[in-house]
Structures are given as C-alpha cells and as structure tokens.
N, C-alpha and C. Protein backbone atom coordinates (compact mmCIF):
# COMPACT_ATOMS: atom_id res chain seq x y z
N MET A 1 -2.58 7.13 -12.22
CA MET A 1 -3.61 7.91 -12.85
C MET A 1 -3.00 8.84 -13.88
N GLY A 2 -1.78 9.31 -13.60
CA GLY A 2 -1.10 10.18 -14.56
C GLY A 2 -0.85 9.47 -15.87
N ARG A 3 -0.44 8.21 -15.80
CA ARG A 3 -0.21 7.43 -17.03
C ARG A 3 -1.50 7.27 -17.82
N LEU A 4 -2.59 7.06 -17.11
CA LEU A 4 -3.88 6.93 -17.79
C LEU A 4 -4.25 8.23 -18.49
N ALA A 5 -4.06 9.36 -17.81
CA ALA A 5 -4.40 10.66 -18.40
C ALA A 5 -3.58 10.92 -19.66
N VAL A 6 -2.27 10.67 -19.58
CA VAL A 6 -1.40 10.88 -20.75
C VAL A 6 -1.78 9.92 -21.86
N GLY A 7 -2.06 8.67 -21.50
CA GLY A 7 -2.48 7.69 -22.50
C GLY A 7 -3.74 8.12 -23.23
N HIS A 8 -4.69 8.69 -22.51
CA HIS A 8 -5.93 9.16 -23.13
C HIS A 8 -5.69 10.36 -24.03
N MET A 9 -4.74 11.21 -23.66
CA MET A 9 -4.46 12.40 -24.47
C MET A 9 -3.83 12.05 -25.81
N PHE A 10 -2.96 11.03 -25.81
CA PHE A 10 -2.18 10.73 -27.01
C PHE A 10 -2.58 9.45 -27.72
N SER A 11 -3.69 8.88 -27.34
CA SER A 11 -4.09 7.61 -27.94
C SER A 11 -5.50 7.70 -28.49
N SER A 12 -5.70 7.12 -29.64
CA SER A 12 -7.05 7.06 -30.19
C SER A 12 -7.62 5.65 -30.03
N GLY A 13 -6.84 4.78 -29.39
CA GLY A 13 -7.25 3.39 -29.19
C GLY A 13 -8.23 3.26 -28.04
N PRO A 14 -8.39 2.04 -27.56
CA PRO A 14 -9.33 1.80 -26.46
C PRO A 14 -8.92 2.57 -25.22
N SER A 15 -9.90 3.04 -24.48
CA SER A 15 -9.59 3.81 -23.27
C SER A 15 -9.37 2.85 -22.10
N TRP A 16 -8.48 3.25 -21.24
CA TRP A 16 -8.20 2.48 -20.04
C TRP A 16 -8.94 3.11 -18.88
N LYS A 17 -9.23 2.31 -17.89
CA LYS A 17 -9.92 2.80 -16.72
C LYS A 17 -9.08 2.55 -15.48
N PHE A 18 -9.17 3.46 -14.54
CA PHE A 18 -8.48 3.33 -13.28
C PHE A 18 -9.30 2.44 -12.37
N ASP A 19 -8.68 1.40 -11.81
CA ASP A 19 -9.36 0.46 -10.92
C ASP A 19 -8.89 0.69 -9.49
N ALA A 20 -9.64 1.48 -8.76
CA ALA A 20 -9.26 1.82 -7.39
C ALA A 20 -9.31 0.62 -6.45
N SER A 21 -10.02 -0.44 -6.83
CA SER A 21 -10.16 -1.59 -5.94
C SER A 21 -8.85 -2.33 -5.74
N VAL A 22 -7.89 -2.14 -6.61
CA VAL A 22 -6.62 -2.84 -6.47
C VAL A 22 -5.55 -1.98 -5.81
N VAL A 23 -5.92 -0.78 -5.39
CA VAL A 23 -4.98 0.11 -4.72
C VAL A 23 -5.08 -0.12 -3.21
N PRO A 24 -4.00 -0.53 -2.57
CA PRO A 24 -4.06 -0.73 -1.12
C PRO A 24 -4.11 0.60 -0.38
N TRP A 25 -4.80 0.63 0.74
CA TRP A 25 -4.80 1.81 1.58
C TRP A 25 -4.41 1.42 2.98
N VAL A 26 -3.79 2.35 3.68
CA VAL A 26 -3.29 2.09 5.03
C VAL A 26 -3.66 3.25 5.93
N THR A 27 -4.13 2.95 7.12
CA THR A 27 -4.34 3.95 8.15
C THR A 27 -3.25 3.71 9.19
N PHE A 28 -2.41 4.72 9.37
CA PHE A 28 -1.24 4.57 10.23
C PHE A 28 -1.59 4.88 11.68
N LEU A 29 -2.14 3.88 12.32
CA LEU A 29 -2.45 3.92 13.75
C LEU A 29 -1.52 2.93 14.43
N ASP A 30 -1.82 2.57 15.65
CA ASP A 30 -1.06 1.54 16.34
C ASP A 30 -2.05 0.54 16.93
N PRO A 31 -2.27 -0.59 16.28
CA PRO A 31 -1.60 -1.10 15.08
C PRO A 31 -2.16 -0.48 13.80
N GLU A 32 -1.42 -0.65 12.71
CA GLU A 32 -1.85 -0.14 11.42
C GLU A 32 -3.02 -0.96 10.88
N ILE A 33 -3.82 -0.31 10.03
CA ILE A 33 -4.94 -0.98 9.36
C ILE A 33 -4.71 -0.85 7.86
N ALA A 34 -4.63 -1.99 7.17
CA ALA A 34 -4.41 -1.97 5.73
C ALA A 34 -5.48 -2.82 5.06
N ARG A 35 -5.90 -2.36 3.87
CA ARG A 35 -6.96 -3.08 3.16
C ARG A 35 -6.74 -2.94 1.66
N VAL A 36 -7.16 -3.96 0.92
CA VAL A 36 -7.16 -3.92 -0.54
C VAL A 36 -8.34 -4.74 -1.04
N GLY A 37 -8.92 -4.34 -2.16
CA GLY A 37 -10.02 -5.10 -2.77
C GLY A 37 -11.31 -4.98 -1.99
N CYS A 38 -12.12 -5.99 -2.10
CA CYS A 38 -13.44 -5.96 -1.47
C CYS A 38 -13.35 -6.23 0.03
N THR A 39 -14.42 -5.90 0.72
CA THR A 39 -14.56 -6.25 2.12
C THR A 39 -15.46 -7.47 2.21
N GLU A 40 -15.55 -8.04 3.37
CA GLU A 40 -16.40 -9.22 3.54
C GLU A 40 -17.85 -8.91 3.18
N SER A 41 -18.34 -7.75 3.57
CA SER A 41 -19.75 -7.41 3.32
C SER A 41 -20.03 -7.08 1.85
N THR A 42 -18.99 -6.75 1.07
CA THR A 42 -19.21 -6.44 -0.35
C THR A 42 -18.74 -7.56 -1.26
N ALA A 43 -18.31 -8.66 -0.69
CA ALA A 43 -17.82 -9.79 -1.49
C ALA A 43 -18.96 -10.40 -2.30
N GLY A 44 -18.60 -11.06 -3.38
CA GLY A 44 -19.58 -11.68 -4.26
C GLY A 44 -20.16 -12.96 -3.70
N ARG A 45 -21.12 -13.48 -4.43
CA ARG A 45 -21.79 -14.72 -4.04
C ARG A 45 -20.79 -15.88 -3.96
N GLY A 46 -20.89 -16.66 -2.93
CA GLY A 46 -20.02 -17.82 -2.77
C GLY A 46 -18.66 -17.50 -2.17
N ALA A 47 -18.45 -16.24 -1.76
CA ALA A 47 -17.16 -15.85 -1.20
C ALA A 47 -16.92 -16.56 0.13
N ARG A 48 -15.63 -16.82 0.38
CA ARG A 48 -15.22 -17.42 1.64
C ARG A 48 -14.15 -16.54 2.27
N VAL A 49 -14.04 -16.66 3.59
CA VAL A 49 -13.14 -15.80 4.36
C VAL A 49 -12.24 -16.64 5.24
N ALA A 50 -10.95 -16.34 5.19
CA ALA A 50 -9.98 -16.92 6.11
C ALA A 50 -9.57 -15.83 7.08
N TRP A 51 -9.49 -16.15 8.35
CA TRP A 51 -9.16 -15.18 9.39
C TRP A 51 -8.13 -15.79 10.33
N LEU A 52 -7.07 -15.04 10.59
CA LEU A 52 -6.01 -15.53 11.47
C LEU A 52 -5.62 -14.43 12.46
N PRO A 53 -5.75 -14.70 13.76
CA PRO A 53 -5.31 -13.69 14.73
C PRO A 53 -3.79 -13.65 14.79
N LEU A 54 -3.23 -12.48 15.09
CA LEU A 54 -1.77 -12.36 15.18
C LEU A 54 -1.20 -13.26 16.26
N SER A 55 -1.99 -13.61 17.25
CA SER A 55 -1.51 -14.46 18.34
C SER A 55 -1.09 -15.84 17.87
N GLU A 56 -1.37 -16.18 16.60
CA GLU A 56 -0.96 -17.47 16.06
C GLU A 56 0.22 -17.36 15.10
N ILE A 57 0.84 -16.18 15.05
CA ILE A 57 2.00 -15.98 14.19
C ILE A 57 3.23 -15.89 15.10
N ASP A 58 4.19 -16.74 14.86
CA ASP A 58 5.36 -16.83 15.74
C ASP A 58 6.08 -15.50 15.90
N ARG A 59 6.23 -14.73 14.84
CA ARG A 59 6.93 -13.45 14.94
C ARG A 59 6.18 -12.47 15.83
N ALA A 60 4.86 -12.48 15.76
CA ALA A 60 4.06 -11.61 16.62
C ALA A 60 4.22 -12.00 18.08
N LEU A 61 4.30 -13.30 18.33
CA LEU A 61 4.52 -13.77 19.70
C LEU A 61 5.90 -13.34 20.20
N THR A 62 6.90 -13.47 19.35
CA THR A 62 8.26 -13.09 19.72
C THR A 62 8.35 -11.60 20.02
N ASP A 63 7.67 -10.78 19.20
CA ASP A 63 7.71 -9.32 19.36
C ASP A 63 6.69 -8.81 20.38
N ASP A 64 5.85 -9.71 20.93
CA ASP A 64 4.80 -9.34 21.85
C ASP A 64 3.86 -8.29 21.25
N THR A 65 3.47 -8.54 19.97
CA THR A 65 2.55 -7.66 19.25
C THR A 65 1.41 -8.50 18.69
N THR A 66 0.62 -9.05 19.57
CA THR A 66 -0.40 -10.02 19.16
C THR A 66 -1.79 -9.42 18.98
N ASP A 67 -1.93 -8.11 19.07
CA ASP A 67 -3.23 -7.48 18.84
C ASP A 67 -3.41 -7.25 17.35
N GLY A 68 -4.36 -7.93 16.75
CA GLY A 68 -4.65 -7.75 15.33
C GLY A 68 -4.99 -9.05 14.65
N PHE A 69 -5.13 -8.98 13.33
CA PHE A 69 -5.53 -10.15 12.56
C PHE A 69 -5.20 -9.96 11.08
N ILE A 70 -5.31 -11.07 10.35
CA ILE A 70 -5.23 -11.07 8.89
C ILE A 70 -6.52 -11.71 8.39
N LYS A 71 -7.21 -11.03 7.48
CA LYS A 71 -8.44 -11.57 6.90
C LYS A 71 -8.28 -11.55 5.38
N ILE A 72 -8.53 -12.70 4.76
CA ILE A 72 -8.41 -12.82 3.30
C ILE A 72 -9.74 -13.30 2.74
N ILE A 73 -10.20 -12.65 1.68
CA ILE A 73 -11.47 -12.98 1.05
C ILE A 73 -11.21 -13.57 -0.33
N ALA A 74 -11.84 -14.69 -0.61
CA ALA A 74 -11.69 -15.34 -1.92
C ALA A 74 -13.07 -15.67 -2.48
N GLU A 75 -13.19 -15.50 -3.79
CA GLU A 75 -14.43 -15.83 -4.46
C GLU A 75 -14.17 -16.92 -5.48
N PRO A 76 -15.16 -17.76 -5.75
CA PRO A 76 -14.96 -18.82 -6.73
C PRO A 76 -14.82 -18.26 -8.14
N LYS A 77 -13.94 -18.85 -8.92
CA LYS A 77 -13.85 -18.46 -10.33
C LYS A 77 -14.99 -19.13 -11.07
N ARG A 78 -15.42 -18.54 -12.16
CA ARG A 78 -16.59 -19.03 -12.89
C ARG A 78 -16.42 -20.48 -13.35
N LEU A 79 -15.31 -20.81 -13.97
CA LEU A 79 -15.13 -22.14 -14.53
C LEU A 79 -14.74 -23.19 -13.50
N THR A 80 -13.92 -22.80 -12.53
CA THR A 80 -13.41 -23.79 -11.57
C THR A 80 -14.24 -23.86 -10.30
N ARG A 81 -15.20 -22.95 -10.18
CA ARG A 81 -16.05 -22.85 -8.99
C ARG A 81 -15.18 -22.73 -7.74
N GLY A 82 -15.32 -23.62 -6.77
CA GLY A 82 -14.54 -23.51 -5.54
C GLY A 82 -13.21 -24.21 -5.57
N MET A 83 -12.89 -24.86 -6.69
CA MET A 83 -11.62 -25.57 -6.76
C MET A 83 -10.47 -24.59 -6.60
N TYR A 84 -9.40 -25.07 -6.06
CA TYR A 84 -8.19 -24.27 -5.83
C TYR A 84 -8.45 -23.14 -4.85
N GLY A 85 -9.52 -23.22 -4.11
CA GLY A 85 -9.83 -22.21 -3.11
C GLY A 85 -10.38 -20.91 -3.65
N GLY A 86 -10.55 -20.81 -4.95
CA GLY A 86 -11.05 -19.57 -5.54
C GLY A 86 -9.92 -18.57 -5.75
N HIS A 87 -10.29 -17.35 -6.13
CA HIS A 87 -9.27 -16.32 -6.33
C HIS A 87 -9.44 -15.22 -5.29
N ILE A 88 -8.35 -14.60 -4.93
CA ILE A 88 -8.33 -13.61 -3.87
C ILE A 88 -8.91 -12.29 -4.39
N THR A 89 -9.92 -11.79 -3.70
CA THR A 89 -10.57 -10.55 -4.12
C THR A 89 -10.47 -9.43 -3.10
N GLY A 90 -9.99 -9.73 -1.90
CA GLY A 90 -9.86 -8.69 -0.89
C GLY A 90 -9.10 -9.17 0.32
N ALA A 91 -8.61 -8.23 1.09
CA ALA A 91 -7.88 -8.55 2.32
C ALA A 91 -7.86 -7.35 3.24
N THR A 92 -7.83 -7.64 4.54
CA THR A 92 -7.67 -6.62 5.57
C THR A 92 -6.65 -7.14 6.56
N ILE A 93 -5.71 -6.27 6.93
CA ILE A 93 -4.71 -6.63 7.93
C ILE A 93 -4.71 -5.55 9.00
N VAL A 94 -4.82 -5.97 10.24
CA VAL A 94 -4.66 -5.07 11.38
C VAL A 94 -3.48 -5.61 12.15
N ALA A 95 -2.36 -4.89 12.07
CA ALA A 95 -1.11 -5.38 12.66
C ALA A 95 -0.05 -4.29 12.62
N PRO A 96 0.99 -4.42 13.46
CA PRO A 96 2.13 -3.53 13.27
C PRO A 96 2.69 -3.79 11.87
N HIS A 97 3.02 -2.78 11.15
CA HIS A 97 3.58 -2.90 9.80
C HIS A 97 2.60 -3.52 8.79
N ALA A 98 1.31 -3.38 9.03
CA ALA A 98 0.31 -3.89 8.08
C ALA A 98 0.49 -3.27 6.71
N GLY A 99 0.93 -2.02 6.68
CA GLY A 99 1.17 -1.34 5.41
C GLY A 99 2.26 -2.01 4.59
N GLU A 100 3.20 -2.66 5.24
CA GLU A 100 4.25 -3.40 4.54
C GLU A 100 3.75 -4.78 4.10
N MET A 101 2.81 -5.34 4.84
CA MET A 101 2.33 -6.69 4.57
C MET A 101 1.27 -6.74 3.47
N ILE A 102 0.55 -5.65 3.22
CA ILE A 102 -0.60 -5.67 2.33
C ILE A 102 -0.22 -5.82 0.86
N HIS A 103 1.02 -5.49 0.51
CA HIS A 103 1.40 -5.48 -0.90
C HIS A 103 1.33 -6.86 -1.56
N GLU A 104 1.68 -7.88 -0.85
CA GLU A 104 1.58 -9.24 -1.38
C GLU A 104 0.13 -9.57 -1.74
N LEU A 105 -0.78 -9.15 -0.89
CA LEU A 105 -2.20 -9.39 -1.14
C LEU A 105 -2.74 -8.46 -2.22
N ALA A 106 -2.19 -7.25 -2.34
CA ALA A 106 -2.60 -6.35 -3.42
C ALA A 106 -2.23 -6.96 -4.77
N LEU A 107 -1.05 -7.57 -4.86
CA LEU A 107 -0.65 -8.25 -6.09
C LEU A 107 -1.59 -9.42 -6.38
N ALA A 108 -1.96 -10.15 -5.34
CA ALA A 108 -2.87 -11.29 -5.51
C ALA A 108 -4.24 -10.82 -6.03
N VAL A 109 -4.75 -9.72 -5.48
CA VAL A 109 -6.04 -9.19 -5.94
C VAL A 109 -5.92 -8.71 -7.38
N ARG A 110 -4.86 -7.98 -7.69
CA ARG A 110 -4.67 -7.41 -9.03
C ARG A 110 -4.56 -8.48 -10.11
N THR A 111 -3.94 -9.61 -9.77
CA THR A 111 -3.71 -10.67 -10.77
C THR A 111 -4.73 -11.80 -10.69
N ASN A 112 -5.78 -11.63 -9.86
CA ASN A 112 -6.78 -12.69 -9.67
C ASN A 112 -6.13 -14.01 -9.28
N MET A 113 -5.16 -13.92 -8.41
CA MET A 113 -4.40 -15.10 -8.00
C MET A 113 -5.27 -16.11 -7.27
N PHE A 114 -5.06 -17.39 -7.60
CA PHE A 114 -5.72 -18.46 -6.86
C PHE A 114 -5.14 -18.51 -5.45
N THR A 115 -5.96 -18.86 -4.49
CA THR A 115 -5.50 -18.95 -3.11
C THR A 115 -4.40 -20.01 -2.97
N GLY A 116 -4.47 -21.06 -3.77
CA GLY A 116 -3.46 -22.12 -3.68
C GLY A 116 -2.07 -21.63 -3.98
N ARG A 117 -1.94 -20.72 -4.93
CA ARG A 117 -0.62 -20.17 -5.26
C ARG A 117 -0.04 -19.41 -4.08
N LEU A 118 -0.87 -18.63 -3.42
CA LEU A 118 -0.39 -17.85 -2.29
C LEU A 118 -0.10 -18.75 -1.09
N ALA A 119 -0.91 -19.78 -0.90
CA ALA A 119 -0.69 -20.69 0.22
C ALA A 119 0.62 -21.46 0.06
N GLN A 120 1.03 -21.71 -1.17
CA GLN A 120 2.27 -22.46 -1.41
C GLN A 120 3.52 -21.60 -1.40
N LEU A 121 3.36 -20.29 -1.40
CA LEU A 121 4.51 -19.40 -1.41
C LEU A 121 5.31 -19.55 -0.12
N VAL A 122 6.61 -19.73 -0.25
CA VAL A 122 7.47 -19.88 0.91
C VAL A 122 7.86 -18.49 1.41
N HIS A 123 7.63 -18.25 2.68
CA HIS A 123 7.98 -16.98 3.31
C HIS A 123 9.19 -17.17 4.21
N ALA A 124 9.97 -16.12 4.37
CA ALA A 124 11.06 -16.16 5.34
C ALA A 124 10.45 -16.37 6.73
N TYR A 125 11.14 -17.12 7.55
CA TYR A 125 10.62 -17.45 8.88
C TYR A 125 11.63 -17.05 9.93
N PRO A 126 11.22 -16.47 11.01
CA PRO A 126 9.87 -16.04 11.36
C PRO A 126 9.65 -14.59 10.92
N THR A 127 8.62 -14.35 10.15
CA THR A 127 8.22 -13.00 9.77
C THR A 127 6.72 -12.88 9.95
N MET A 128 6.24 -11.65 9.99
CA MET A 128 4.80 -11.43 10.09
C MET A 128 4.10 -11.92 8.83
N SER A 129 4.79 -11.87 7.70
CA SER A 129 4.19 -12.28 6.43
C SER A 129 3.89 -13.77 6.36
N THR A 130 4.50 -14.57 7.22
CA THR A 130 4.13 -15.99 7.24
C THR A 130 2.65 -16.14 7.57
N GLY A 131 2.08 -15.16 8.26
CA GLY A 131 0.66 -15.20 8.58
C GLY A 131 -0.22 -15.16 7.35
N VAL A 132 0.25 -14.54 6.28
CA VAL A 132 -0.52 -14.50 5.03
C VAL A 132 -0.66 -15.92 4.48
N ALA A 133 0.43 -16.66 4.46
CA ALA A 133 0.38 -18.05 3.97
C ALA A 133 -0.45 -18.92 4.92
N GLN A 134 -0.31 -18.69 6.22
CA GLN A 134 -1.06 -19.48 7.19
C GLN A 134 -2.56 -19.22 7.05
N ALA A 135 -2.95 -17.98 6.86
CA ALA A 135 -4.37 -17.66 6.68
C ALA A 135 -4.88 -18.26 5.38
N THR A 136 -4.11 -18.15 4.31
CA THR A 136 -4.54 -18.68 3.02
C THR A 136 -4.68 -20.19 3.05
N ALA A 137 -3.89 -20.85 3.87
CA ALA A 137 -3.98 -22.32 3.98
C ALA A 137 -5.35 -22.76 4.48
N GLN A 138 -6.06 -21.87 5.17
CA GLN A 138 -7.39 -22.22 5.68
C GLN A 138 -8.41 -22.49 4.58
N PHE A 139 -8.10 -22.07 3.35
CA PHE A 139 -9.00 -22.37 2.24
C PHE A 139 -8.92 -23.84 1.84
N PHE A 140 -7.93 -24.56 2.35
CA PHE A 140 -7.70 -25.95 1.96
C PHE A 140 -7.80 -26.95 3.09
N TYR A 141 -7.49 -26.53 4.30
CA TYR A 141 -7.58 -27.43 5.44
C TYR A 141 -7.68 -26.60 6.72
N THR A 142 -7.88 -27.28 7.83
CA THR A 142 -7.98 -26.59 9.11
C THR A 142 -6.58 -26.20 9.56
N PHE A 143 -6.41 -24.94 9.87
CA PHE A 143 -5.13 -24.44 10.36
C PHE A 143 -5.39 -23.66 11.63
N GLY A 144 -4.73 -24.05 12.71
CA GLY A 144 -4.95 -23.36 13.99
C GLY A 144 -6.37 -23.51 14.49
N GLY A 145 -7.02 -24.61 14.13
CA GLY A 145 -8.40 -24.83 14.54
C GLY A 145 -9.43 -24.11 13.70
N ARG A 146 -8.99 -23.47 12.61
CA ARG A 146 -9.91 -22.71 11.75
C ARG A 146 -9.82 -23.15 10.31
N SER A 147 -10.97 -23.08 9.65
CA SER A 147 -11.05 -23.27 8.20
C SER A 147 -11.76 -22.03 7.64
N ALA A 148 -11.56 -21.80 6.36
CA ALA A 148 -12.26 -20.67 5.73
C ALA A 148 -13.76 -20.88 5.87
N ARG A 149 -14.47 -19.80 6.11
CA ARG A 149 -15.92 -19.85 6.30
C ARG A 149 -16.60 -19.02 5.23
N SER A 150 -17.89 -19.17 5.10
CA SER A 150 -18.65 -18.36 4.16
C SER A 150 -18.65 -16.91 4.60
N ALA A 151 -18.60 -16.00 3.64
CA ALA A 151 -18.60 -14.57 3.95
C ALA A 151 -19.97 -14.15 4.46
N LYS A 152 -19.97 -13.22 5.38
CA LYS A 152 -21.21 -12.60 5.86
C LYS A 152 -21.46 -11.38 5.02
N ARG A 153 -22.35 -11.50 4.09
CA ARG A 153 -22.61 -10.40 3.15
C ARG A 153 -23.57 -9.40 3.76
N GLY A 154 -23.33 -8.12 3.43
CA GLY A 154 -24.11 -7.03 3.99
C GLY A 154 -25.31 -6.69 3.25
C-alpha cells in the first residue's frame, strides 16, 4: 500500500488500486486457518471446488496431524469456459503451517493461474504442500474418491 501511495503522489499517469483479494490472511490457531481470494459462497457463476482432507496427505499421516483440509476454488475463464479446469480464484487451508502453505495459492490467485498448471507442479515429497497438487488434480479426474464439485453459492 505504501508503494501505491508514493506512486499516486509522484505520478500523473493512471492510478493503481490496491486489491485486497490477493492478500493471504492467516489466523494462528491450532491448526492454523489461511485463506486467499474468494470463498465458496462468494465465488462466481460456474465455480467449482476441490476439497481434500489432511488425512489423505502422506506427510500429515506421518506427523499425526490429520485434522484439517485444503479447499481450492476455480472459476471458468471467459474464452476457455471449463477447459483446463478454469482459473484459481480462492483457497482455504486449515492445517498446521497453513500460513506457510497458502502462498503458492496466493500466487495462483494473483496470476489467474489455470488449475492445470498448479496440478502439474512437482512438489517435494512427502510435504504438506503435496496436498495442494492433489486437491487441484480433482479438477481433472477423481482423486481419493473425489472430483471437483459445483460451488455452493450463498
């Protein structure tokens, strides 16, 4: 926000706006709660949701920290519609170290990343972040008995 303020003071060009939707926030509880972008209830028309419980992530099983989940929201792009799984518009993570995990999804929201790009990203194994790729894979096929579902809009 400081850069924006200084830019406005010294520039006569187009004004920039601060986009709070791409700023991740974290509530430091046990487990942590982290979120970026839209929520399922505020997602746009045609949005789909992938949800993965921590109990399906090998690192969570190893650490015995299986309380929580990863939820990723994607909306169709105008030209490609649902192809490529759409683009990522929001995410919520409830997990130990969720504040460390949310940054990958914050970048995806900020850059309008297609879900396919994130699903193909290779993660170190076993880490909690592998759950991000596993959840994103649900936009393309059934993973862990789940596929991405339509968002429940509020």
